[in-house]
N, C-alpha and C. Protein backbone atom coordinates (compact mmCIF):
# COMPACT_ATOMS: atom_id res chain seq x y z
N MET A 1 12.63 5.28 -9.57
CA MET A 1 13.43 6.46 -9.29
C MET A 1 13.94 6.43 -7.86
N ARG A 2 13.04 6.13 -6.93
CA ARG A 2 13.41 6.12 -5.53
C ARG A 2 14.44 5.01 -5.25
N ARG A 3 14.26 3.86 -5.90
CA ARG A 3 15.18 2.73 -5.72
C ARG A 3 16.59 3.09 -6.22
N ALA A 4 16.66 3.74 -7.37
CA ALA A 4 17.95 4.16 -7.92
C ALA A 4 18.61 5.18 -7.00
N ARG A 5 17.82 6.06 -6.41
CA ARG A 5 18.38 7.05 -5.49
C ARG A 5 18.95 6.39 -4.24
N LYS A 6 18.21 5.39 -3.70
CA LYS A 6 18.71 4.66 -2.52
C LYS A 6 20.00 3.93 -2.86
N ARG A 7 20.06 3.32 -4.05
CA ARG A 7 21.25 2.59 -4.48
C ARG A 7 22.42 3.58 -4.61
N GLY A 8 22.15 4.75 -5.17
CA GLY A 8 23.19 5.77 -5.32
C GLY A 8 23.71 6.23 -3.97
N LEU A 9 22.81 6.41 -3.00
CA LEU A 9 23.24 6.82 -1.67
C LEU A 9 24.07 5.74 -0.99
N ARG A 10 23.67 4.47 -1.18
CA ARG A 10 24.45 3.37 -0.61
C ARG A 10 25.83 3.31 -1.24
N ASN A 11 25.88 3.46 -2.56
CA ASN A 11 27.18 3.44 -3.24
C ASN A 11 28.06 4.59 -2.76
N LEU A 12 27.46 5.77 -2.63
CA LEU A 12 28.22 6.93 -2.16
C LEU A 12 28.74 6.70 -0.75
N THR A 13 27.91 6.11 0.11
CA THR A 13 28.33 5.82 1.48
C THR A 13 29.49 4.83 1.49
N LEU A 14 29.38 3.79 0.68
CA LEU A 14 30.44 2.79 0.61
C LEU A 14 31.73 3.39 0.07
N ILE A 15 31.64 4.19 -0.95
CA ILE A 15 32.83 4.82 -1.53
C ILE A 15 33.44 5.79 -0.52
N ALA A 16 32.62 6.57 0.16
CA ALA A 16 33.14 7.50 1.16
C ALA A 16 33.84 6.74 2.28
N GLY A 17 33.26 5.62 2.70
CA GLY A 17 33.90 4.80 3.74
C GLY A 17 35.23 4.24 3.26
N GLY A 18 35.26 3.78 2.01
CA GLY A 18 36.51 3.26 1.46
C GLY A 18 37.57 4.33 1.36
N LEU A 19 37.17 5.52 0.94
CA LEU A 19 38.13 6.62 0.85
C LEU A 19 38.63 7.04 2.23
N ALA A 20 37.75 7.02 3.21
CA ALA A 20 38.19 7.35 4.58
C ALA A 20 39.17 6.30 5.08
N PHE A 21 38.90 5.04 4.77
CA PHE A 21 39.82 3.97 5.16
C PHE A 21 41.17 4.14 4.46
N ALA A 22 41.13 4.45 3.18
CA ALA A 22 42.37 4.65 2.42
C ALA A 22 43.15 5.84 2.96
N ALA A 23 42.45 6.90 3.32
CA ALA A 23 43.13 8.07 3.88
C ALA A 23 43.77 7.74 5.21
N ALA A 24 43.08 6.95 6.02
CA ALA A 24 43.65 6.55 7.31
C ALA A 24 44.89 5.68 7.10
N CYS A 25 44.85 4.83 6.10
CA CYS A 25 46.00 3.98 5.81
C CYS A 25 47.16 4.79 5.26
N ALA A 26 46.86 5.87 4.58
CA ALA A 26 47.91 6.69 3.97
C ALA A 26 48.53 7.67 4.95
N ALA A 27 47.87 7.87 6.09
CA ALA A 27 48.41 8.79 7.09
C ALA A 27 49.74 8.28 7.62
N PRO A 28 50.66 9.18 7.94
CA PRO A 28 51.94 8.72 8.48
C PRO A 28 51.73 8.03 9.82
N PRO A 29 52.42 6.92 10.04
CA PRO A 29 52.23 6.20 11.30
C PRO A 29 52.82 6.96 12.47
N ALA A 30 52.21 6.77 13.63
CA ALA A 30 52.75 7.35 14.86
C ALA A 30 54.03 6.60 15.23
N GLN A 31 54.80 7.19 16.09
CA GLN A 31 56.02 6.53 16.54
C GLN A 31 55.64 5.26 17.29
N PRO A 32 56.19 4.12 16.87
CA PRO A 32 55.82 2.86 17.53
C PRO A 32 56.39 2.77 18.94
N SER A 33 55.61 2.15 19.82
CA SER A 33 56.10 1.89 21.16
C SER A 33 56.89 0.60 21.14
N ALA A 34 57.56 0.28 22.22
CA ALA A 34 58.35 -0.95 22.27
C ALA A 34 57.44 -2.17 22.12
N ALA A 35 56.20 -2.08 22.59
CA ALA A 35 55.29 -3.22 22.55
C ALA A 35 54.83 -3.54 21.13
N ASN A 36 54.74 -2.51 20.27
CA ASN A 36 54.26 -2.78 18.91
C ASN A 36 55.20 -2.21 17.85
N ALA A 37 56.48 -2.34 18.07
CA ALA A 37 57.48 -1.79 17.15
C ALA A 37 57.36 -2.39 15.75
N GLY A 38 57.01 -3.67 15.63
CA GLY A 38 56.90 -4.31 14.32
C GLY A 38 55.67 -3.91 13.55
N LEU A 39 54.70 -3.28 14.19
CA LEU A 39 53.46 -2.91 13.52
C LEU A 39 53.67 -1.78 12.52
N GLY A 40 54.69 -0.95 12.72
CA GLY A 40 54.97 0.12 11.77
C GLY A 40 55.27 -0.43 10.39
N ASP A 41 56.04 -1.52 10.33
CA ASP A 41 56.35 -2.15 9.06
C ASP A 41 55.09 -2.74 8.44
N LEU A 42 54.25 -3.35 9.25
CA LEU A 42 53.01 -3.92 8.75
C LEU A 42 52.12 -2.83 8.18
N ALA A 43 51.99 -1.72 8.90
CA ALA A 43 51.14 -0.62 8.42
C ALA A 43 51.67 -0.07 7.09
N ALA A 44 52.97 0.05 6.97
CA ALA A 44 53.55 0.54 5.72
C ALA A 44 53.27 -0.43 4.58
N ASP A 45 53.38 -1.72 4.86
CA ASP A 45 53.09 -2.73 3.84
C ASP A 45 51.63 -2.66 3.40
N VAL A 46 50.73 -2.50 4.36
CA VAL A 46 49.30 -2.43 4.05
C VAL A 46 49.01 -1.18 3.23
N ARG A 47 49.61 -0.04 3.60
CA ARG A 47 49.39 1.20 2.84
C ARG A 47 49.83 1.05 1.39
N GLU A 48 50.89 0.31 1.14
CA GLU A 48 51.37 0.11 -0.23
C GLU A 48 50.40 -0.77 -1.03
N LEU A 49 49.73 -1.70 -0.37
CA LEU A 49 48.85 -2.64 -1.06
C LEU A 49 47.46 -2.10 -1.33
N ILE A 50 47.00 -1.16 -0.53
CA ILE A 50 45.65 -0.61 -0.69
C ILE A 50 45.73 0.62 -1.56
N THR A 51 45.05 0.55 -2.71
CA THR A 51 45.04 1.66 -3.66
C THR A 51 43.60 2.09 -3.91
N PRO A 52 43.41 3.33 -4.33
CA PRO A 52 42.05 3.75 -4.68
C PRO A 52 41.43 2.87 -5.76
N ALA A 53 42.21 2.47 -6.75
CA ALA A 53 41.68 1.60 -7.81
C ALA A 53 41.26 0.25 -7.24
N GLY A 54 42.05 -0.29 -6.33
CA GLY A 54 41.71 -1.56 -5.71
C GLY A 54 40.44 -1.45 -4.87
N LEU A 55 40.30 -0.33 -4.16
CA LEU A 55 39.09 -0.12 -3.38
C LEU A 55 37.86 -0.01 -4.28
N GLU A 56 38.01 0.64 -5.42
CA GLU A 56 36.89 0.75 -6.36
C GLU A 56 36.47 -0.62 -6.88
N VAL A 57 37.44 -1.48 -7.17
CA VAL A 57 37.12 -2.83 -7.66
C VAL A 57 36.34 -3.60 -6.61
N GLN A 58 36.81 -3.54 -5.36
CA GLN A 58 36.12 -4.26 -4.29
C GLN A 58 34.74 -3.69 -4.03
N ALA A 59 34.62 -2.37 -4.03
CA ALA A 59 33.32 -1.74 -3.80
C ALA A 59 32.34 -2.12 -4.91
N ALA A 60 32.81 -2.13 -6.15
CA ALA A 60 31.93 -2.50 -7.27
C ALA A 60 31.45 -3.94 -7.13
N ALA A 61 32.32 -4.83 -6.69
CA ALA A 61 31.92 -6.23 -6.53
C ALA A 61 30.90 -6.39 -5.41
N ILE A 62 31.05 -5.62 -4.36
CA ILE A 62 30.15 -5.74 -3.21
C ILE A 62 28.78 -5.15 -3.52
N VAL A 63 28.73 -4.05 -4.27
CA VAL A 63 27.44 -3.40 -4.54
C VAL A 63 26.81 -3.86 -5.84
N GLU A 64 27.35 -4.92 -6.43
CA GLU A 64 26.83 -5.43 -7.71
C GLU A 64 25.37 -5.88 -7.59
N HIS A 65 24.97 -6.38 -6.43
CA HIS A 65 23.62 -6.90 -6.22
C HIS A 65 22.91 -6.09 -5.14
N GLU A 66 21.59 -6.11 -5.18
CA GLU A 66 20.80 -5.59 -4.07
C GLU A 66 21.10 -6.47 -2.86
N ARG A 67 21.23 -5.88 -1.67
CA ARG A 67 21.66 -6.66 -0.51
C ARG A 67 20.75 -6.52 0.72
N PRO A 68 19.45 -6.71 0.57
CA PRO A 68 18.63 -6.71 1.79
C PRO A 68 19.07 -7.87 2.69
N SER A 69 18.84 -7.72 3.95
CA SER A 69 19.25 -8.74 4.91
C SER A 69 18.68 -10.11 4.55
N GLY A 70 19.57 -11.10 4.48
CA GLY A 70 19.17 -12.47 4.18
C GLY A 70 18.96 -12.77 2.72
N SER A 71 19.24 -11.82 1.84
CA SER A 71 18.98 -12.02 0.41
C SER A 71 20.17 -12.70 -0.28
N PRO A 72 19.94 -13.25 -1.46
CA PRO A 72 21.05 -13.83 -2.23
C PRO A 72 22.15 -12.79 -2.52
N GLY A 73 21.75 -11.53 -2.72
CA GLY A 73 22.75 -10.48 -2.96
C GLY A 73 23.63 -10.25 -1.75
N GLU A 74 23.03 -10.30 -0.55
CA GLU A 74 23.83 -10.15 0.66
C GLU A 74 24.82 -11.31 0.79
N PHE A 75 24.36 -12.52 0.51
CA PHE A 75 25.25 -13.68 0.61
C PHE A 75 26.34 -13.63 -0.45
N ALA A 76 26.03 -13.11 -1.64
CA ALA A 76 27.04 -12.97 -2.69
C ALA A 76 28.12 -11.98 -2.26
N ALA A 77 27.71 -10.88 -1.63
CA ALA A 77 28.68 -9.89 -1.15
C ALA A 77 29.57 -10.50 -0.06
N ILE A 78 28.95 -11.25 0.86
CA ILE A 78 29.72 -11.90 1.93
C ILE A 78 30.68 -12.91 1.34
N ASP A 79 30.21 -13.70 0.39
CA ASP A 79 31.09 -14.69 -0.26
C ASP A 79 32.28 -14.02 -0.93
N HIS A 80 32.02 -12.90 -1.60
CA HIS A 80 33.12 -12.17 -2.26
C HIS A 80 34.15 -11.71 -1.24
N ILE A 81 33.69 -11.14 -0.13
CA ILE A 81 34.61 -10.64 0.89
C ILE A 81 35.42 -11.79 1.48
N VAL A 82 34.76 -12.89 1.80
CA VAL A 82 35.45 -14.06 2.38
C VAL A 82 36.47 -14.61 1.38
N GLU A 83 36.09 -14.75 0.11
CA GLU A 83 37.02 -15.27 -0.90
C GLU A 83 38.22 -14.34 -1.08
N THR A 84 37.98 -13.03 -1.08
CA THR A 84 39.05 -12.07 -1.24
C THR A 84 40.03 -12.14 -0.08
N LEU A 85 39.50 -12.18 1.13
CA LEU A 85 40.37 -12.25 2.31
C LEU A 85 41.11 -13.57 2.37
N THR A 86 40.42 -14.67 2.08
CA THR A 86 41.04 -15.99 2.12
C THR A 86 42.16 -16.10 1.09
N SER A 87 41.92 -15.58 -0.12
CA SER A 87 42.96 -15.64 -1.15
C SER A 87 44.17 -14.78 -0.80
N ALA A 88 43.97 -13.81 0.07
CA ALA A 88 45.10 -12.97 0.53
C ALA A 88 45.78 -13.57 1.75
N GLY A 89 45.30 -14.72 2.20
CA GLY A 89 45.93 -15.38 3.34
C GLY A 89 45.41 -14.94 4.69
N VAL A 90 44.30 -14.23 4.71
CA VAL A 90 43.70 -13.78 5.96
C VAL A 90 42.74 -14.85 6.45
N PRO A 91 42.95 -15.36 7.67
CA PRO A 91 42.02 -16.37 8.17
C PRO A 91 40.65 -15.74 8.44
N VAL A 92 39.62 -16.40 7.94
CA VAL A 92 38.25 -15.87 8.11
C VAL A 92 37.42 -16.91 8.83
């Protein structure tokens, strides 16, 4: 019972963090300065690509296993994140 409760709290924390991230991405961008004028387009592109459904898929993949430090579950979560970022063209 206690283990399921801890897992539920971890899942809730992860989902809340993902929703906060999504909300920040959905916020209207500030007026760009001359130094970062091109970042407005990047932010808009990122906001279009990040969806609540996509965040749920990633969160589910990350919390699929128990993840104590140094455990196979932790390494599986890290591998998933690295593979996801690499397949999107993000250098890791």
